[in-house]
Amino acid sequence: MFKNLINLFFPPVCAGCHSFLVSNENVICTLCRHNIPLTNHHLNPENEAFKKFYGRIPVEYTSALLYFHKKGIVQELIHNLKYKGQEEIGTVLGTWYADDLKNAVILQSVDEIIPVPLHKRKHRERGYNQVTNFGMSLSNGLNIPYNPKILVRNIYSKTQSKKTLLNRSDGIDTIFDVTFTEKDHDKHFLLIDDVMTTGSTLEACSHALLKIPGAKISIVCMAMAHS
């Protein structure tokens, strides 16, 4: 009843276009769901996201749910997720993508889902890691444990999107490290993030995870930058 009262005075709006949601809509309106640019990477293991890491890191599988365009629906969703506290966006996207990824045979061997971590200072500033709910929803949908502790960020850095392509790559391998024991050997890790741009951050995280003997890496993101 209290929730209904709040909705009466502050009706929920779409996280993509800010239009009022109707009773059967959740977080994203039907029109935005219809217009949102899907990659369909899950239908092609040799997709563009997978090819991005050729010659950089050995990956078992790579995909993203959505295409990220400047001033598009997906940019608005990610902005609201990261900076407006709308963590439920991650839940919706994770639940959505889990349904697609259930049929990806190679992901059936994944042992743990690992989020790209925030530095402790950034986590305190923002109050949450924007990929947590995405990862938890994937975990529930794919029945794979979620482990936010094995991969750590050692260095506090400015927002990656505000850096040049060159600066994104400079020294990035020193930012991440892993904390592991023998029980983590020979595991297949699914690394997750919000938006895949140059791939530098994901590459650095993968290099850290590959310090674990026998580790294998797959990557899944909410979105991928697309020209």
Protein backbone atom coordinates (compact mmCIF):
# COMPACT_ATOMS: atom_id res chain seq x y z
CA MET A 1 0.00 0.00 0.00
CA PHE A 2 2.89 2.36 0.86
CA LYS A 3 4.48 1.64 -2.52
CA ASN A 4 1.21 2.37 -4.28
CA LEU A 5 0.98 5.68 -2.42
CA ILE A 6 4.53 6.63 -3.52
CA ASN A 7 3.72 5.71 -7.12
CA LEU A 8 0.62 7.89 -6.95
CA PHE A 9 2.65 11.01 -6.16
CA PHE A 10 5.92 9.96 -7.87
CA PRO A 11 4.95 7.66 -10.74
CA PRO A 12 7.85 5.54 -12.06
CA VAL A 13 9.40 6.57 -15.34
CA CYS A 14 11.34 4.68 -17.99
CA ALA A 15 15.11 4.67 -17.38
CA GLY A 16 15.64 5.02 -21.12
CA CYS A 17 13.26 7.79 -22.23
CA HIS A 18 11.71 9.08 -18.97
CA SER A 19 8.13 8.48 -20.09
CA PHE A 20 5.73 7.22 -17.43
CA LEU A 21 5.65 3.45 -17.05
CA VAL A 22 2.33 1.65 -17.20
CA SER A 23 1.36 -1.10 -14.76
CA ASN A 24 2.87 -4.00 -16.73
CA GLU A 25 6.21 -2.25 -17.42
CA ASN A 26 9.32 -2.49 -15.24
CA VAL A 27 12.23 0.00 -15.38
CA ILE A 28 12.28 0.12 -19.22
CA CYS A 29 9.14 0.93 -21.21
CA THR A 30 7.85 -1.28 -24.02
CA LEU A 31 8.82 1.24 -26.70
CA CYS A 32 12.44 1.43 -25.49
CA ARG A 33 12.63 -2.36 -25.30
CA HIS A 34 11.44 -2.48 -28.89
CA ASN A 35 13.92 0.18 -30.09
CA ILE A 36 16.92 -0.79 -27.99
CA PRO A 37 19.86 -1.90 -30.20
CA LEU A 38 20.58 -5.58 -29.53
CA THR A 39 23.88 -7.09 -30.67
CA ASN A 40 22.68 -10.72 -30.89
CA HIS A 41 26.28 -11.72 -30.11
CA HIS A 42 25.01 -14.83 -28.35
CA LEU A 43 23.97 -16.22 -31.73
CA ASN A 44 27.52 -16.03 -33.13
CA PRO A 45 30.50 -17.17 -30.99
CA GLU A 46 32.88 -15.53 -33.52
CA ASN A 47 31.26 -12.13 -33.02
CA GLU A 48 32.89 -8.68 -33.11
CA ALA A 49 33.33 -8.56 -29.33
CA PHE A 50 35.19 -11.87 -29.37
CA LYS A 51 37.40 -10.67 -32.23
CA LYS A 52 38.31 -7.50 -30.31
CA PHE A 53 40.64 -9.57 -28.12
CA TYR A 54 42.44 -11.43 -30.92
CA GLY A 55 46.17 -11.39 -30.15
CA ARG A 56 45.59 -9.64 -26.82
CA ILE A 57 44.30 -12.26 -24.40
CA PRO A 58 43.05 -15.83 -24.80
CA VAL A 59 39.28 -15.77 -24.31
CA GLU A 60 36.86 -18.66 -24.47
CA TYR A 61 33.80 -16.53 -25.20
CA THR A 62 32.91 -12.82 -25.42
CA SER A 63 29.61 -11.02 -25.92
CA ALA A 64 27.58 -7.94 -25.06
CA LEU A 65 23.82 -7.57 -24.86
CA LEU A 66 23.43 -4.06 -26.34
CA TYR A 67 25.11 -1.57 -28.64
CA PHE A 68 26.14 1.68 -26.95
CA HIS A 69 25.65 4.81 -29.08
CA LYS A 70 26.20 8.37 -27.91
CA LYS A 71 22.90 10.07 -27.01
CA GLY A 72 21.05 6.77 -27.45
CA ILE A 73 18.79 4.74 -25.16
CA VAL A 74 21.66 2.59 -23.92
CA GLN A 75 23.81 5.57 -22.96
CA GLU A 76 20.89 6.90 -20.92
CA LEU A 77 20.42 3.52 -19.22
CA ILE A 78 24.11 3.20 -18.31
CA HIS A 79 24.26 6.81 -17.10
CA ASN A 80 21.25 6.28 -14.83
CA LEU A 81 22.74 3.03 -13.58
CA LYS A 82 26.19 4.45 -12.79
CA TYR A 83 25.40 7.96 -11.60
CA LYS A 84 21.72 8.09 -10.62
CA GLY A 85 21.56 5.09 -8.30
CA GLN A 86 19.17 3.13 -10.51
CA GLU A 87 20.70 -0.26 -9.72
CA GLU A 88 17.55 -2.04 -10.84
CA ILE A 89 18.67 -1.42 -14.43
CA GLY A 90 21.45 -3.94 -13.88
CA THR A 91 18.94 -6.44 -12.56
CA VAL A 92 16.71 -6.08 -15.61
CA LEU A 93 19.60 -6.36 -18.09
CA GLY A 94 21.13 -9.33 -16.26
CA THR A 95 17.84 -11.22 -16.17
CA TRP A 96 17.28 -10.43 -19.84
CA TYR A 97 20.74 -11.58 -20.92
CA ALA A 98 20.75 -14.71 -18.79
CA ASP A 99 17.84 -16.01 -20.88
CA ASP A 100 19.92 -15.54 -24.05
CA LEU A 101 23.13 -16.98 -22.61
CA LYS A 102 21.57 -20.18 -21.29
CA ASN A 103 22.12 -21.73 -24.72
CA ALA A 104 25.79 -20.71 -24.97
CA VAL A 105 27.36 -24.14 -24.52
CA ILE A 106 30.83 -22.84 -23.65
CA LEU A 107 29.45 -20.86 -20.71
CA GLN A 108 28.15 -24.05 -19.16
CA SER A 109 31.69 -24.74 -17.96
CA VAL A 110 32.00 -21.38 -16.14
CA ASP A 111 32.80 -21.80 -12.44
CA GLU A 112 32.39 -18.22 -11.19
CA ILE A 113 31.16 -14.81 -12.34
CA ILE A 114 33.70 -12.05 -11.58
CA PRO A 115 32.82 -8.32 -11.75
CA VAL A 116 35.30 -5.66 -12.83
CA PRO A 117 35.93 -4.14 -9.39
CA LEU A 118 35.83 -0.56 -8.22
CA HIS A 119 38.57 0.85 -6.03
CA LYS A 120 37.45 1.04 -2.39
CA ARG A 121 37.47 4.83 -2.56
CA LYS A 122 35.31 4.88 -5.70
CA HIS A 123 32.96 2.36 -4.11
CA ARG A 124 32.53 4.62 -1.09
CA GLU A 125 31.92 7.63 -3.34
CA ARG A 126 29.33 5.91 -5.52
CA GLY A 127 27.93 3.61 -2.86
CA TYR A 128 27.77 0.56 -5.12
CA ASN A 129 29.43 -1.22 -8.03
CA GLN A 130 27.21 -0.69 -11.07
CA VAL A 131 27.76 -4.25 -12.31
CA THR A 132 26.77 -6.01 -9.06
CA ASN A 133 23.07 -6.43 -9.83
CA PHE A 134 23.87 -7.42 -13.42
CA GLY A 135 26.22 -10.10 -12.11
CA MET A 136 23.81 -11.33 -9.45
CA SER A 137 21.02 -11.66 -12.02
CA LEU A 138 23.32 -13.60 -14.36
CA SER A 139 24.29 -15.75 -11.40
CA ASN A 140 20.66 -16.54 -10.62
CA GLY A 141 19.69 -17.10 -14.25
CA LEU A 142 22.69 -19.25 -15.19
CA ASN A 143 23.10 -20.94 -11.79
CA ILE A 144 26.76 -19.86 -11.54
CA PRO A 145 28.29 -18.50 -8.29
CA TYR A 146 29.04 -14.78 -8.13
CA ASN A 147 32.44 -13.91 -6.63
CA PRO A 148 33.23 -10.18 -6.13
CA LYS A 149 36.33 -10.77 -3.98
CA ILE A 150 38.92 -12.57 -6.09
CA LEU A 151 39.72 -9.62 -8.39
CA VAL A 152 40.78 -6.32 -6.79
CA ARG A 153 41.58 -2.82 -8.01
CA ASN A 154 44.74 -1.48 -6.40
CA ILE A 155 44.83 2.01 -7.87
CA TYR A 156 42.22 4.74 -7.75
CA SER A 157 41.84 6.23 -11.23
CA LYS A 158 39.66 8.81 -12.92
CA THR A 159 36.68 7.75 -14.99
CA GLN A 160 37.93 5.83 -18.03
CA SER A 161 35.49 7.55 -20.40
CA LYS A 162 37.22 10.90 -19.77
CA LYS A 163 40.63 9.66 -20.86
CA THR A 164 42.14 9.45 -24.30
CA LEU A 165 42.56 6.09 -25.96
CA LEU A 166 46.30 6.24 -25.35
CA ASN A 167 45.98 7.09 -21.68
CA ARG A 168 43.47 4.31 -21.12
CA SER A 169 46.17 1.80 -21.95
CA ASP A 170 49.06 3.45 -20.08
CA GLY A 171 49.98 1.44 -16.98
CA ILE A 172 46.58 -0.21 -16.77
CA ASP A 173 48.12 -3.63 -16.06
CA THR A 174 49.22 -2.32 -12.65
CA ILE A 175 45.68 -1.40 -11.61
CA PHE A 176 44.27 -4.90 -10.99
CA ASP A 177 45.42 -7.94 -9.03
CA VAL A 178 43.99 -11.20 -7.73
CA THR A 179 43.70 -12.87 -4.34
CA PHE A 180 43.42 -16.61 -4.76
CA THR A 181 44.16 -20.01 -3.23
CA GLU A 182 44.79 -23.44 -4.70
CA LYS A 183 41.05 -24.10 -4.86
CA ASP A 184 40.82 -21.39 -7.52
CA HIS A 185 43.20 -23.19 -9.88
CA ASP A 186 41.87 -24.47 -13.20
CA LYS A 187 38.65 -22.47 -13.05
CA HIS A 188 36.73 -20.88 -15.91
CA PHE A 189 35.92 -17.28 -14.93
CA LEU A 190 33.20 -15.15 -16.52
CA LEU A 191 34.38 -11.53 -16.30
CA ILE A 192 31.59 -8.94 -16.48
CA ASP A 193 31.47 -5.16 -16.99
CA ASP A 194 29.04 -2.44 -18.05
CA VAL A 195 30.38 -1.07 -21.36
CA MET A 196 33.12 -2.54 -23.54
CA THR A 197 34.97 0.28 -25.31
CA THR A 198 38.64 -0.29 -26.22
CA GLY A 199 38.75 -3.44 -24.11
CA SER A 200 41.78 -2.18 -22.15
CA THR A 201 40.17 -2.57 -18.73
CA LEU A 202 38.87 -6.05 -19.51
CA GLU A 203 42.27 -7.01 -20.90
CA ALA A 204 44.00 -5.84 -17.72
CA CYS A 205 41.51 -7.72 -15.53
CA SER A 206 42.03 -10.84 -17.62
CA HIS A 207 45.81 -10.59 -17.27
CA ALA A 208 45.34 -10.48 -13.50
CA LEU A 209 42.99 -13.48 -13.48
CA LEU A 210 45.37 -15.42 -15.72
CA LYS A 211 47.93 -15.32 -12.92
CA ILE A 212 45.85 -18.14 -11.46
CA PRO A 213 47.24 -21.47 -12.72
CA GLY A 214 44.97 -23.07 -15.31
CA ALA A 215 42.54 -20.15 -15.43
CA LYS A 216 40.26 -19.63 -18.44
CA ILE A 217 38.47 -16.36 -19.21
CA SER A 218 35.15 -15.47 -20.81
CA ILE A 219 33.72 -11.96 -20.97
CA VAL A 220 30.15 -10.64 -20.94
CA CYS A 221 29.13 -6.97 -20.87
CA MET A 222 25.87 -5.07 -20.74
CA ALA A 223 26.86 -3.07 -23.82
CA MET A 224 29.54 -2.52 -26.42
CA ALA A 225 30.52 0.82 -27.93
CA HIS A 226 29.47 0.94 -31.57
CA SER A 227 30.20 3.58 -34.17
